[in-house]
Protein backbone atom coordinates (compact mmCIF):
# COMPACT_ATOMS: atom_id res chain seq x y z
CA MET A 1 12.22 19.56 -16.32
CA THR A 2 15.27 20.23 -18.42
CA PRO A 3 18.25 17.87 -18.44
CA ALA A 4 20.24 20.59 -16.62
CA ASP A 5 17.61 20.78 -13.86
CA LEU A 6 17.55 16.99 -13.58
CA LEU A 7 21.32 16.86 -13.24
CA GLU A 8 21.24 19.52 -10.52
CA LEU A 9 18.57 17.54 -8.64
CA TYR A 10 20.67 14.39 -8.83
CA LYS A 11 23.83 16.26 -7.86
CA SER A 12 22.09 17.69 -4.77
CA GLN A 13 21.25 14.12 -3.70
CA ALA A 14 24.66 12.68 -4.65
CA LEU A 15 23.02 10.23 -7.06
CA ARG A 16 24.55 8.92 -10.28
CA ILE A 17 22.73 7.86 -13.45
CA ALA A 18 23.27 5.07 -15.98
CA THR A 19 21.22 4.53 -19.12
CA ALA A 20 20.41 1.40 -21.13
CA GLU A 21 18.99 2.35 -24.51
CA SER A 22 17.79 0.44 -27.51
CA CYS A 23 15.34 2.32 -29.77
CA THR A 24 16.68 5.72 -28.68
CA GLY A 25 20.24 4.80 -29.61
CA GLY A 26 21.88 6.92 -26.92
CA MET A 27 19.64 9.97 -27.12
CA VAL A 28 19.01 10.04 -23.34
CA SER A 29 22.75 9.87 -22.71
CA ALA A 30 23.28 12.65 -25.26
CA ALA A 31 20.60 14.84 -23.66
CA LEU A 32 22.29 14.51 -20.29
CA THR A 33 25.87 14.86 -21.48
CA ASP A 34 25.03 17.93 -23.57
CA VAL A 35 25.02 19.75 -20.22
CA ALA A 36 28.39 21.02 -18.99
CA GLY A 37 29.32 19.37 -15.71
CA SER A 38 27.19 16.29 -16.35
CA SER A 39 30.10 14.03 -15.39
CA ALA A 40 29.28 14.75 -11.74
CA VAL A 41 26.05 12.77 -12.22
CA PHE A 42 26.09 10.79 -15.47
CA GLU A 43 28.06 7.59 -14.85
CA ARG A 44 27.68 5.71 -18.17
CA GLY A 45 25.35 4.71 -20.95
CA PHE A 46 24.79 1.43 -22.75
CA VAL A 47 23.44 1.40 -26.30
CA THR A 48 22.23 -2.15 -26.77
CA TYR A 49 20.45 -2.12 -30.08
CA THR A 50 20.68 -5.87 -30.77
CA ASN A 51 19.54 -8.75 -28.61
CA ALA A 52 23.15 -9.97 -28.50
CA ALA A 53 24.24 -6.62 -27.05
CA LYS A 54 21.45 -6.74 -24.47
CA MET A 55 22.65 -10.16 -23.35
CA GLN A 56 26.40 -9.44 -23.48
CA MET A 57 26.48 -5.95 -21.98
CA LEU A 58 23.50 -5.99 -19.61
CA GLY A 59 23.01 -9.67 -18.81
CA VAL A 60 19.51 -9.87 -20.27
CA ASN A 61 18.45 -13.51 -20.09
CA PRO A 62 18.12 -15.18 -23.51
CA GLN A 63 14.98 -16.94 -22.28
CA THR A 64 13.38 -13.59 -21.43
CA LEU A 65 14.06 -12.38 -24.97
CA LYS A 66 12.69 -15.62 -26.43
CA SER A 67 9.57 -15.65 -24.25
CA TYR A 68 8.62 -11.96 -24.35
CA GLY A 69 10.62 -10.34 -27.14
CA ALA A 70 12.96 -7.36 -26.94
CA VAL A 71 10.05 -4.93 -26.72
CA SER A 72 8.63 -5.95 -23.37
CA GLU A 73 8.56 -4.75 -19.79
CA GLN A 74 10.40 -7.92 -18.80
CA VAL A 75 13.37 -7.01 -21.01
CA ALA A 76 13.22 -3.34 -19.95
CA ARG A 77 13.43 -4.51 -16.32
CA GLU A 78 16.47 -6.69 -17.02
CA MET A 79 18.11 -3.90 -19.02
CA ALA A 80 17.70 -1.40 -16.17
CA GLU A 81 18.87 -3.87 -13.54
CA GLY A 82 21.80 -4.88 -15.75
CA ALA A 83 22.84 -1.26 -16.22
CA LEU A 84 22.88 -0.83 -12.44
CA ALA A 85 24.88 -4.02 -11.96
CA GLN A 86 27.42 -3.08 -14.64
CA SER A 87 27.99 0.49 -13.43
CA GLU A 88 28.71 2.65 -10.42
CA ALA A 89 25.30 4.33 -10.77
CA ASP A 90 22.55 4.59 -8.18
CA VAL A 91 19.72 4.83 -10.71
CA ALA A 92 19.37 3.36 -14.20
CA VAL A 93 16.74 3.96 -16.84
CA ALA A 94 16.15 1.58 -19.75
CA ILE A 95 14.26 2.00 -23.01
CA THR A 96 13.30 -0.62 -25.60
CA GLY A 97 10.67 -0.15 -28.26
CA ILE A 98 9.54 0.10 -31.84
CA ALA A 99 10.16 3.63 -33.05
CA GLY A 100 9.13 2.78 -36.59
CA PRO A 101 8.47 2.54 -39.31
CA GLY A 102 6.90 -0.85 -39.01
CA GLY A 103 5.71 -2.96 -36.16
CA SER A 104 3.10 -5.69 -36.07
CA GLU A 105 -0.38 -6.41 -34.80
CA PHE A 106 1.12 -7.63 -31.51
CA LYS A 107 3.90 -5.03 -31.20
CA PRO A 108 2.78 -1.90 -33.00
CA GLU A 109 4.87 1.06 -34.04
CA GLY A 110 5.20 3.50 -31.18
CA ARG A 111 5.18 0.91 -28.39
CA VAL A 112 8.01 1.68 -25.96
CA CYS A 113 8.82 -0.12 -22.72
CA PHE A 114 10.70 1.57 -19.89
CA GLY A 115 12.50 0.24 -16.86
CA LEU A 116 13.80 2.19 -13.89
CA ALA A 117 16.09 0.53 -11.36
CA ARG A 118 17.37 2.18 -8.20
CA ILE A 119 19.57 0.65 -5.56
CA GLY A 120 17.47 -0.48 -2.60
CA ARG A 121 14.12 -0.09 -4.35
CA PRO A 122 11.91 -2.32 -6.49
CA THR A 123 12.43 -1.91 -10.23
CA GLN A 124 9.57 -0.15 -12.02
CA THR A 125 8.41 -0.86 -15.55
CA GLU A 126 5.95 0.85 -17.83
CA THR A 127 4.78 0.59 -21.43
CA ILE A 128 3.62 3.59 -23.41
CA GLU A 129 1.79 3.40 -26.71
CA PHE A 130 2.93 6.58 -28.44
CA GLY A 131 1.31 5.40 -31.69
CA PRO A 132 2.62 5.83 -35.23
CA LEU A 133 3.99 9.35 -34.72
CA GLY A 134 7.00 8.65 -36.89
CA ARG A 135 10.45 7.50 -35.85
CA ALA A 136 11.84 10.87 -34.76
CA ALA A 137 8.78 11.78 -32.69
CA VAL A 138 8.60 8.39 -30.92
CA ARG A 139 12.28 8.64 -30.04
CA ALA A 140 11.93 12.24 -28.81
CA GLU A 141 8.89 11.34 -26.68
CA SER A 142 10.78 8.35 -25.28
CA VAL A 143 13.68 10.57 -24.19
CA GLN A 144 11.27 12.92 -22.40
CA LYS A 145 9.57 10.00 -20.65
CA ALA A 146 12.95 8.63 -19.51
CA LEU A 147 13.90 12.03 -18.08
CA THR A 148 10.54 12.18 -16.29
CA LEU A 149 11.09 8.73 -14.78
CA LEU A 150 14.50 9.80 -13.54
CA LYS A 151 13.01 12.94 -12.00
CA GLU A 152 10.26 10.98 -10.26
CA SER A 153 12.83 8.58 -8.84
CA ALA A 154 14.83 11.43 -7.32
CA ASP A 155 11.67 13.07 -5.94
CA SER A 156 10.44 9.94 -4.18
């Protein structure tokens, strides 16, 4: 599904989107706002690259960051829920991961955690191991996954 198709789907359901992005640095927001008329659906985006930004802008709990690290489903959940709480959106998608280069034995390059929060529904989280595809490819795959999560939320 293209960003334009996704926006039309959301517009037909009168739903608004917020994003909370770390490793993608605003690429999901850019993909959506590249489409003319996106303001009817796209409410706002948060680029929270540092832990401090995650806490200040989205209300991510410092203890969650300490216990699980920024690249975790727990933080992705709090990012998505924080984006909903700090916006006028109905649905929020969050992304946090290690695009590369680098990583560790416990958090390898290509690990990306996603959160999807929607008013009135339980928040969903998911981790995908894209592997060491390279920074650009991991980020591009993460954007596509975020768009897919948004589509699935509107379809359900």
